[in-house]
Amino acid sequence: MSSAALVLHQFRYDQKTFWRDPASVFFTVMLPLIFMFLFATIFGNDDIEGLDGVKLTTYYVPAILTLAVISATMVSPAISITQDRENGVLKRVRSTPLPSWVFIAGRVGNAIVVSFVMLFLVSIVGRVVYGVSIPGETLPALVVTLIVGAASFCCLGFALTVIIPSMDAAPAVTNAVALPLYFISGILIPESEIPNGVLHVADLFPFRHFFDAFFAAYDPGTTGAGVAFGDLALVAAWGAFGLLVAALWFRWTPRSE
């Protein structure tokens, strides 16, 4: 069997595993949509202070998309890979003829496809329910942002498994990393409500820059292609750091061994 056929086979397996797991589907697909409905209902649709002509629903579409992609590519994989490691699944995979890179490619491919599914769902819901325009001229920027961000956060997801000590600790560690950054990066709370000092701290991490790159594609005031090269460069740098950490310290065997 060729390498491409092996990757496709592994990808199909990971897709079936993901969509047949109710918890994965709820937290990765449904929860972001629930958040969007809640925030739009609670906070209304007024213009956001400091962002001329940007209504709250227009703000929350790229914000929830950011949350959904990070969940699909970093949070969910970090938890599932840790569980597979501690259950001995990764160890058994290493003992089969399946190349390690094919297994990783299947997981990464699944995460990226789920990210594109969320791009479609969030954009359609935003358009149909809240009248948020789907980007036309900046659509290529939206796709580039998703690809760069999804690849980078996949690397960070694998890196995150390095510091997770056990299967039970996986959800706690991933949420302890992700939730505070969602709040301080302007994803769950509009940045106009966040002190500048907190935003400066958020600028050190990829969450805020990933959101800013998505927001540039949706912002009615954006001119030109809308590609946020500076933000994407920082996201990619974090992805390279995650790749380095995973390459050096990623484990295929349980911590107890």
Protein backbone atom coordinates (compact mmCIF):
# COMPACT_ATOMS: atom_id res chain seq x y z
CA MET A 1 0.00 0.00 0.00
CA SER A 2 1.35 3.43 -0.95
CA SER A 3 2.04 6.17 1.60
CA ALA A 4 -0.88 8.24 0.30
CA ALA A 5 -3.24 5.27 0.66
CA LEU A 6 -2.03 4.67 4.21
CA VAL A 7 -2.60 8.30 5.17
CA LEU A 8 -6.08 8.25 3.61
CA HIS A 9 -6.94 5.03 5.44
CA GLN A 10 -5.76 6.44 8.78
CA PHE A 11 -7.59 9.72 8.14
CA ARG A 12 -10.86 7.88 7.45
CA TYR A 13 -10.42 5.92 10.67
CA ASP A 14 -9.81 9.09 12.69
CA GLN A 15 -12.83 10.76 11.09
CA LYS A 16 -15.09 7.85 12.03
CA THR A 17 -13.68 7.80 15.55
CA PHE A 18 -14.27 11.53 16.01
CA TRP A 19 -17.84 11.68 14.68
CA ARG A 20 -18.87 8.56 16.62
CA ASP A 21 -17.70 10.06 19.92
CA PRO A 22 -20.57 12.16 21.36
CA ALA A 23 -18.27 14.02 23.76
CA SER A 24 -15.88 15.08 20.99
CA VAL A 25 -18.71 16.22 18.74
CA PHE A 26 -20.41 18.17 21.54
CA PHE A 27 -17.36 20.01 22.87
CA THR A 28 -15.75 20.63 19.47
CA VAL A 29 -18.77 21.28 17.23
CA MET A 30 -21.87 22.03 19.29
CA LEU A 31 -20.42 23.99 22.23
CA PRO A 32 -18.95 26.81 20.11
CA LEU A 33 -22.32 27.26 18.39
CA ILE A 34 -24.06 27.30 21.77
CA PHE A 35 -21.63 29.98 22.94
CA MET A 36 -22.42 32.08 19.87
CA PHE A 37 -26.17 31.86 20.51
CA LEU A 38 -25.70 32.70 24.20
CA PHE A 39 -23.42 35.68 23.69
CA ALA A 40 -25.54 37.15 20.89
CA THR A 41 -28.66 36.74 23.04
CA ILE A 42 -27.17 38.12 26.25
CA PHE A 43 -25.12 41.02 24.89
CA GLY A 44 -27.38 42.06 22.01
CA ASN A 45 -26.18 43.49 18.70
CA ASP A 46 -25.00 47.00 19.44
CA ASP A 47 -21.92 48.56 17.86
CA ILE A 48 -18.72 47.76 19.76
CA GLU A 49 -16.97 50.72 21.32
CA GLY A 50 -13.70 51.49 19.58
CA LEU A 51 -14.52 49.40 16.50
CA ASP A 52 -16.37 51.66 14.08
CA GLY A 53 -19.25 49.97 12.34
CA VAL A 54 -18.63 46.54 13.91
CA LYS A 55 -21.65 45.02 15.61
CA LEU A 56 -21.34 42.46 18.37
CA THR A 57 -22.55 39.56 16.21
CA THR A 58 -19.99 40.45 13.53
CA TYR A 59 -17.34 40.37 16.26
CA TYR A 60 -18.45 37.05 17.68
CA VAL A 61 -18.49 35.10 14.41
CA PRO A 62 -14.66 35.17 14.02
CA ALA A 63 -14.30 34.90 17.81
CA ILE A 64 -16.32 31.69 18.00
CA LEU A 65 -14.60 30.40 14.88
CA THR A 66 -11.27 30.96 16.63
CA LEU A 67 -12.49 29.03 19.67
CA ALA A 68 -13.81 26.20 17.49
CA VAL A 69 -10.56 25.79 15.54
CA ILE A 70 -8.41 25.84 18.67
CA SER A 71 -10.73 23.27 20.25
CA ALA A 72 -10.55 21.04 17.16
CA THR A 73 -6.80 21.28 16.65
CA MET A 74 -5.26 21.72 20.11
CA VAL A 75 -7.63 21.02 22.99
CA SER A 76 -9.44 17.92 21.72
CA PRO A 77 -6.34 16.23 20.20
CA ALA A 78 -4.27 16.88 23.34
CA ILE A 79 -6.90 15.11 25.44
CA SER A 80 -7.48 12.18 23.06
CA ILE A 81 -3.78 11.59 22.37
CA THR A 82 -3.01 11.61 26.09
CA GLN A 83 -5.80 9.10 26.68
CA ASP A 84 -4.47 6.89 23.89
CA ARG A 85 -0.97 7.14 25.33
CA GLU A 86 -2.00 6.18 28.85
CA ASN A 87 -4.25 3.36 27.58
CA GLY A 88 -1.34 1.88 25.66
CA VAL A 89 -2.86 2.59 22.24
CA LEU A 90 0.12 4.64 21.05
CA LYS A 91 2.52 1.95 22.22
CA ARG A 92 0.61 -0.67 20.24
CA VAL A 93 0.61 1.58 17.18
CA ARG A 94 4.39 1.84 17.37
CA SER A 95 4.63 -1.96 17.40
CA THR A 96 2.71 -2.28 14.11
CA PRO A 97 4.10 -1.75 10.59
CA LEU A 98 2.15 1.54 10.40
CA PRO A 99 4.71 4.40 10.19
CA SER A 100 4.45 6.85 13.07
CA TRP A 101 4.17 9.80 10.72
CA VAL A 102 1.10 8.25 9.07
CA PHE A 103 -0.64 8.01 12.45
CA ILE A 104 0.19 11.65 13.16
CA ALA A 105 -0.90 12.73 9.68
CA GLY A 106 -4.28 11.06 10.21
CA ARG A 107 -4.84 12.97 13.48
CA VAL A 108 -3.71 16.27 11.98
CA GLY A 109 -5.78 15.75 8.83
CA ASN A 110 -8.87 14.99 10.91
CA ALA A 111 -8.36 18.15 13.00
CA ILE A 112 -7.95 20.34 9.92
CA VAL A 113 -11.06 18.90 8.22
CA VAL A 114 -13.11 19.48 11.38
CA SER A 115 -11.80 23.06 11.38
CA PHE A 116 -13.09 23.59 7.85
CA VAL A 117 -16.44 22.10 8.89
CA MET A 118 -16.61 24.64 11.71
CA LEU A 119 -15.68 27.46 9.33
CA PHE A 120 -18.66 26.48 7.19
CA LEU A 121 -21.08 26.01 10.12
CA VAL A 122 -20.18 29.18 12.01
CA SER A 123 -20.22 31.29 8.84
CA ILE A 124 -23.60 29.92 7.75
CA VAL A 125 -25.18 30.32 11.19
CA GLY A 126 -23.76 33.84 11.44
CA ARG A 127 -25.21 34.72 8.05
CA VAL A 128 -28.62 33.06 8.39
CA VAL A 129 -29.36 33.89 12.04
CA TYR A 130 -27.53 37.18 12.58
CA GLY A 131 -27.04 38.60 9.08
CA VAL A 132 -23.23 38.62 9.31
CA SER A 133 -21.84 38.80 5.79
CA ILE A 134 -19.67 35.93 4.63
CA PRO A 135 -16.34 37.40 3.44
CA GLY A 136 -16.01 37.61 -0.32
CA GLU A 137 -12.92 39.63 -1.18
CA THR A 138 -11.16 38.46 1.98
CA LEU A 139 -12.19 34.80 1.66
CA PRO A 140 -8.65 33.72 0.60
CA ALA A 141 -7.30 35.43 3.73
CA LEU A 142 -9.84 33.52 5.81
CA VAL A 143 -8.71 30.20 4.34
CA VAL A 144 -5.01 31.03 4.74
CA THR A 145 -5.62 32.04 8.35
CA LEU A 146 -7.43 28.78 9.06
CA ILE A 147 -4.70 26.62 7.49
CA VAL A 148 -1.82 28.40 9.25
CA GLY A 149 -3.66 28.44 12.57
CA ALA A 150 -4.89 24.84 12.37
CA ALA A 151 -1.42 23.52 11.54
CA SER A 152 0.19 25.58 14.31
CA PHE A 153 -2.31 24.61 16.99
CA CYS A 154 -2.02 20.94 16.00
CA CYS A 155 1.69 21.22 16.81
CA LEU A 156 0.84 22.89 20.12
CA GLY A 157 -1.66 20.12 20.88
CA PHE A 158 1.02 17.46 20.50
CA ALA A 159 3.39 19.60 22.58
CA LEU A 160 0.78 19.99 25.29
CA THR A 161 0.68 16.22 25.82
CA VAL A 162 4.28 16.45 27.02
CA ILE A 163 3.23 18.22 30.23
CA ILE A 164 0.03 16.22 30.85
CA PRO A 165 0.90 13.58 33.48
CA SER A 166 -2.13 11.31 33.25
CA MET A 167 -5.36 10.55 31.42
CA ASP A 168 -7.48 12.04 34.22
CA ALA A 169 -5.45 15.24 34.19
CA ALA A 170 -5.82 15.82 30.44
CA PRO A 171 -9.08 17.82 30.46
CA ALA A 172 -7.98 19.88 33.48
CA VAL A 173 -4.58 20.79 32.02
CA THR A 174 -5.88 21.65 28.55
CA ASN A 175 -8.71 23.78 29.95
CA ALA A 176 -6.35 25.47 32.42
CA VAL A 177 -4.24 26.53 29.44
CA ALA A 178 -7.04 27.41 27.01
CA LEU A 179 -9.81 29.01 29.08
CA PRO A 180 -7.84 31.93 30.55
CA LEU A 181 -6.43 32.72 27.10
CA TYR A 182 -9.92 32.67 25.57
CA PHE A 183 -10.99 35.35 28.06
CA ILE A 184 -7.96 37.65 28.00
CA SER A 185 -7.55 37.45 24.20
CA GLY A 186 -10.92 39.02 23.44
CA ILE A 187 -12.50 35.79 22.24
CA LEU A 188 -15.18 35.33 24.89
CA ILE A 189 -15.23 38.97 26.04
CA PRO A 190 -15.02 41.87 23.56
CA GLU A 191 -11.60 43.49 23.73
CA SER A 192 -13.23 46.87 24.49
CA GLU A 193 -14.12 45.43 27.92
CA ILE A 194 -10.60 44.17 28.66
CA PRO A 195 -7.92 46.42 30.26
CA ASN A 196 -5.02 47.32 27.98
CA GLY A 197 -2.54 45.73 30.35
CA VAL A 198 -4.32 42.40 30.07
CA LEU A 199 -4.42 42.68 26.28
CA HIS A 200 -0.67 43.27 26.25
CA VAL A 201 -0.22 40.01 28.13
CA ALA A 202 -2.50 38.26 25.63
CA ASP A 203 -0.35 39.62 22.80
CA LEU A 204 2.41 37.27 23.92
CA PHE A 205 0.31 34.21 23.05
CA PRO A 206 -1.07 32.90 19.76
CA PHE A 207 -4.77 32.91 20.71
CA ARG A 208 -5.19 36.67 20.37
CA HIS A 209 -3.20 36.90 17.12
CA PHE A 210 -5.16 34.03 15.60
CA PHE A 211 -8.40 35.80 16.48
CA ASP A 212 -7.12 39.12 15.12
CA ALA A 213 -6.27 37.43 11.82
CA PHE A 214 -9.78 35.96 11.57
CA PHE A 215 -11.37 39.26 12.61
CA ALA A 216 -9.49 41.13 9.86
CA ALA A 217 -11.28 38.96 7.29
CA TYR A 218 -14.71 39.76 8.77
CA ASP A 219 -14.13 43.42 9.65
CA PRO A 220 -16.19 45.63 7.29
CA GLY A 221 -13.42 48.21 7.49
CA THR A 222 -10.75 45.88 6.10
CA THR A 223 -9.33 46.92 2.74
CA GLY A 224 -7.32 44.79 0.35
CA ALA A 225 -6.74 41.07 0.72
CA GLY A 226 -7.12 41.12 4.51
CA VAL A 227 -4.22 38.79 5.27
CA ALA A 228 -2.81 39.65 8.71
CA PHE A 229 0.78 38.65 7.99
CA GLY A 230 2.17 39.85 11.32
CA ASP A 231 -0.40 37.97 13.38
CA LEU A 232 -0.02 34.81 11.30
CA ALA A 233 3.77 34.98 11.62
CA LEU A 234 3.49 34.95 15.41
CA VAL A 235 0.97 32.07 15.31
CA ALA A 236 3.32 30.13 13.02
CA ALA A 237 6.25 30.84 15.37
CA TRP A 238 4.31 29.33 18.26
CA GLY A 239 3.50 26.37 16.03
CA ALA A 240 7.19 25.89 15.26
CA PHE A 241 7.93 25.99 18.99
CA GLY A 242 5.25 23.36 19.61
CA LEU A 243 6.67 21.19 16.84
CA LEU A 244 10.13 21.39 18.40
CA VAL A 245 8.83 20.45 21.85
CA ALA A 246 6.84 17.52 20.42
CA ALA A 247 9.80 16.30 18.36
CA LEU A 248 12.04 16.27 21.42
CA TRP A 249 9.76 15.00 24.19
CA PHE A 250 6.57 13.46 22.77
CA ARG A 251 5.94 10.05 24.37
CA TRP A 252 4.45 6.97 22.77
CA THR A 253 4.42 4.98 26.01
CA PRO A 254 2.43 5.53 29.23
CA ARG A 255 4.02 7.69 31.92
CA SER A 256 4.05 4.68 34.26
CA GLU A 257 6.59 2.89 32.05
